[in-house]
């Protein structure tokens, strides 16, 4: 049985913008998580304001590699979960190709 949205939120696996499982999780100073591409687009479209209305810069965000590994394990264990972006594997392949 797949974990519920609430369980995924409690585990902080969901992006604060898209509310989907993150591919590249970045942590804001307030402890909220955002998928890199989603928060980058959001901040660009919203004059540097986070979804909660606070000021936020991309420089304020830190990649959380431990959370990324946790998410990768979740995705492997819950293939087909409705909160996993359809292009998750393609996005991961692009990221791995950049390293």
C-alpha atoms as a PDB file:
ATOM      1  CA  UNK A   1       0.000   0.000   0.000  1.00  0.00           C
ATOM      2  CA  UNK A   2       1.306   3.434  -0.946  1.00  0.00           C
ATOM      3  CA  UNK A   3       1.882   6.082   1.720  1.00  0.00           C
ATOM      4  CA  UNK A   4      -0.731   8.851   1.774  1.00  0.00           C
ATOM      5  CA  UNK A   5      -0.079  12.483   0.854  1.00  0.00           C
ATOM      6  CA  UNK A   6      -0.119  13.276   4.581  1.00  0.00           C
ATOM      7  CA  UNK A   7       2.563  10.654   5.269  1.00  0.00           C
ATOM      8  CA  UNK A   8       4.686  12.025   2.430  1.00  0.00           C
ATOM      9  CA  UNK A   9       4.261  15.559   3.820  1.00  0.00           C
ATOM     10  CA  UNK A  10       5.244  14.388   7.315  1.00  0.00           C
ATOM     11  CA  UNK A  11       8.389  12.791   5.845  1.00  0.00           C
ATOM     12  CA  UNK A  12       9.080  16.075   3.988  1.00  0.00           C
ATOM     13  CA  UNK A  13       9.236  14.364   0.587  1.00  0.00           C
ATOM     14  CA  UNK A  14       6.964  16.845  -1.195  1.00  0.00           C
ATOM     15  CA  UNK A  15       7.949  20.102  -2.855  1.00  0.00           C
ATOM     16  CA  UNK A  16       6.422  23.180  -1.246  1.00  0.00           C
ATOM     17  CA  UNK A  17       5.496  24.476  -4.724  1.00  0.00           C
ATOM     18  CA  UNK A  18       4.292  21.466  -6.728  1.00  0.00           C
ATOM     19  CA  UNK A  19       3.301  19.238  -3.769  1.00  0.00           C
ATOM     20  CA  UNK A  20       4.877  16.322  -5.641  1.00  0.00           C
ATOM     21  CA  UNK A  21       7.839  14.117  -4.684  1.00  0.00           C
ATOM     22  CA  UNK A  22      11.028  16.143  -5.194  1.00  0.00           C
ATOM     23  CA  UNK A  23      13.804  15.210  -7.595  1.00  0.00           C
ATOM     24  CA  UNK A  24      16.435  17.662  -6.340  1.00  0.00           C
ATOM     25  CA  UNK A  25      15.453  18.790  -2.816  1.00  0.00           C
ATOM     26  CA  UNK A  26      16.674  22.147  -1.597  1.00  0.00           C
ATOM     27  CA  UNK A  27      16.070  23.297   1.969  1.00  0.00           C
ATOM     28  CA  UNK A  28      15.162  26.881   2.811  1.00  0.00           C
ATOM     29  CA  UNK A  29      16.342  28.597   6.015  1.00  0.00           C
ATOM     30  CA  UNK A  30      12.831  28.146   7.478  1.00  0.00           C
ATOM     31  CA  UNK A  31      13.136  24.349   7.085  1.00  0.00           C
ATOM     32  CA  UNK A  32      10.786  24.020   4.119  1.00  0.00           C
ATOM     33  CA  UNK A  33      11.795  21.916   1.135  1.00  0.00           C
ATOM     34  CA  UNK A  34      11.466  22.758  -2.531  1.00  0.00           C
ATOM     35  CA  UNK A  35      12.405  20.931  -5.693  1.00  0.00           C
ATOM     36  CA  UNK A  36      15.127  22.983  -7.392  1.00  0.00           C
ATOM     37  CA  UNK A  37      13.452  23.591 -10.748  1.00  0.00           C
ATOM     38  CA  UNK A  38      10.068  24.363  -9.170  1.00  0.00           C
ATOM     39  CA  UNK A  39      11.345  26.936  -6.675  1.00  0.00           C
ATOM     40  CA  UNK A  40      13.638  28.506  -9.281  1.00  0.00           C
ATOM     41  CA  UNK A  41      10.667  29.048 -11.612  1.00  0.00           C
ATOM     42  CA  UNK A  42       8.396  30.129  -8.747  1.00  0.00           C
ATOM     43  CA  UNK A  43      10.819  32.760  -7.406  1.00  0.00           C
ATOM     44  CA  UNK A  44      11.387  34.094 -10.932  1.00  0.00           C
ATOM     45  CA  UNK A  45       7.654  34.508 -11.441  1.00  0.00           C
ATOM     46  CA  UNK A  46       6.906  35.909  -7.977  1.00  0.00           C
ATOM     47  CA  UNK A  47       9.542  38.618  -7.444  1.00  0.00           C
ATOM     48  CA  UNK A  48      11.667  36.548  -5.064  1.00  0.00           C
ATOM     49  CA  UNK A  49       8.805  35.656  -2.727  1.00  0.00           C
ATOM     50  CA  UNK A  50       8.415  32.118  -1.406  1.00  0.00           C
ATOM     51  CA  UNK A  51       5.006  30.394  -1.456  1.00  0.00           C
ATOM     52  CA  UNK A  52       4.469  31.552   2.152  1.00  0.00           C
ATOM     53  CA  UNK A  53       5.084  35.180   1.094  1.00  0.00           C
ATOM     54  CA  UNK A  54       8.511  35.535   2.715  1.00  0.00           C
ATOM     55  CA  UNK A  55      11.506  36.842   0.758  1.00  0.00           C
ATOM     56  CA  UNK A  56      13.668  34.029  -0.587  1.00  0.00           C
ATOM     57  CA  UNK A  57      16.684  33.913  -2.857  1.00  0.00           C
ATOM     58  CA  UNK A  58      18.182  30.885  -4.596  1.00  0.00           C
ATOM     59  CA  UNK A  59      21.360  31.660  -2.619  1.00  0.00           C
ATOM     60  CA  UNK A  60      19.410  30.966   0.586  1.00  0.00           C
ATOM     61  CA  UNK A  61      18.614  27.387  -0.486  1.00  0.00           C
ATOM     62  CA  UNK A  62      20.890  24.421   0.215  1.00  0.00           C
ATOM     63  CA  UNK A  63      20.884  21.092  -1.591  1.00  0.00           C
ATOM     64  CA  UNK A  64      20.029  18.333   0.900  1.00  0.00           C
ATOM     65  CA  UNK A  65      21.821  15.231  -0.371  1.00  0.00           C
ATOM     66  CA  UNK A  66      20.574  13.081   2.524  1.00  0.00           C
ATOM     67  CA  UNK A  67      16.970  13.983   1.668  1.00  0.00           C
ATOM     68  CA  UNK A  68      17.691  13.275  -2.010  1.00  0.00           C
ATOM     69  CA  UNK A  69      18.915   9.767  -1.102  1.00  0.00           C
ATOM     70  CA  UNK A  70      15.849   9.231   1.110  1.00  0.00           C
ATOM     71  CA  UNK A  71      13.625  10.226  -1.808  1.00  0.00           C
ATOM     72  CA  UNK A  72      15.452   7.930  -4.234  1.00  0.00           C
ATOM     73  CA  UNK A  73      14.872   4.997  -1.871  1.00  0.00           C
ATOM     74  CA  UNK A  74      11.207   5.974  -1.498  1.00  0.00           C
ATOM     75  CA  UNK A  75      10.786   6.091  -5.287  1.00  0.00           C
ATOM     76  CA  UNK A  76      12.378   2.644  -5.701  1.00  0.00           C
ATOM     77  CA  UNK A  77      10.171   1.201  -2.943  1.00  0.00           C
ATOM     78  CA  UNK A  78       6.954   2.837  -4.227  1.00  0.00           C
ATOM     79  CA  UNK A  79       7.205   2.728  -8.017  1.00  0.00           C
ATOM     80  CA  UNK A  80       4.076   4.166  -9.608  1.00  0.00           C
ATOM     81  CA  UNK A  81       3.100   6.220  -6.534  1.00  0.00           C
ATOM     82  CA  UNK A  82       0.770   9.009  -7.748  1.00  0.00           C
ATOM     83  CA  UNK A  83       2.913  11.743  -6.125  1.00  0.00           C
ATOM     84  CA  UNK A  84       6.067  10.769  -8.045  1.00  0.00           C
ATOM     85  CA  UNK A  85       6.439  13.017 -11.099  1.00  0.00           C
ATOM     86  CA  UNK A  86       5.919  11.068 -14.329  1.00  0.00           C
ATOM     87  CA  UNK A  87       9.331  12.230 -15.577  1.00  0.00           C
ATOM     88  CA  UNK A  88      11.185  11.515 -12.302  1.00  0.00           C
ATOM     89  CA  UNK A  89      13.554   8.953 -13.866  1.00  0.00           C
ATOM     90  CA  UNK A  90      14.337  11.212 -16.832  1.00  0.00           C
ATOM     91  CA  UNK A  91      15.088  14.124 -14.503  1.00  0.00           C
ATOM     92  CA  UNK A  92      17.373  11.916 -12.393  1.00  0.00           C
ATOM     93  CA  UNK A  93      19.179  10.672 -15.515  1.00  0.00           C
ATOM     94  CA  UNK A  94      19.791  14.280 -16.620  1.00  0.00           C
ATOM     95  CA  UNK A  95      21.146  15.168 -13.172  1.00  0.00           C
ATOM     96  CA  UNK A  96      23.454  12.144 -13.120  1.00  0.00           C
ATOM     97  CA  UNK A  97      24.677  13.048 -16.609  1.00  0.00           C
ATOM     98  CA  UNK A  98      25.729  16.484 -15.312  1.00  0.00           C
ATOM     99  CA  UNK A  99      28.068  14.980 -12.672  1.00  0.00           C
END
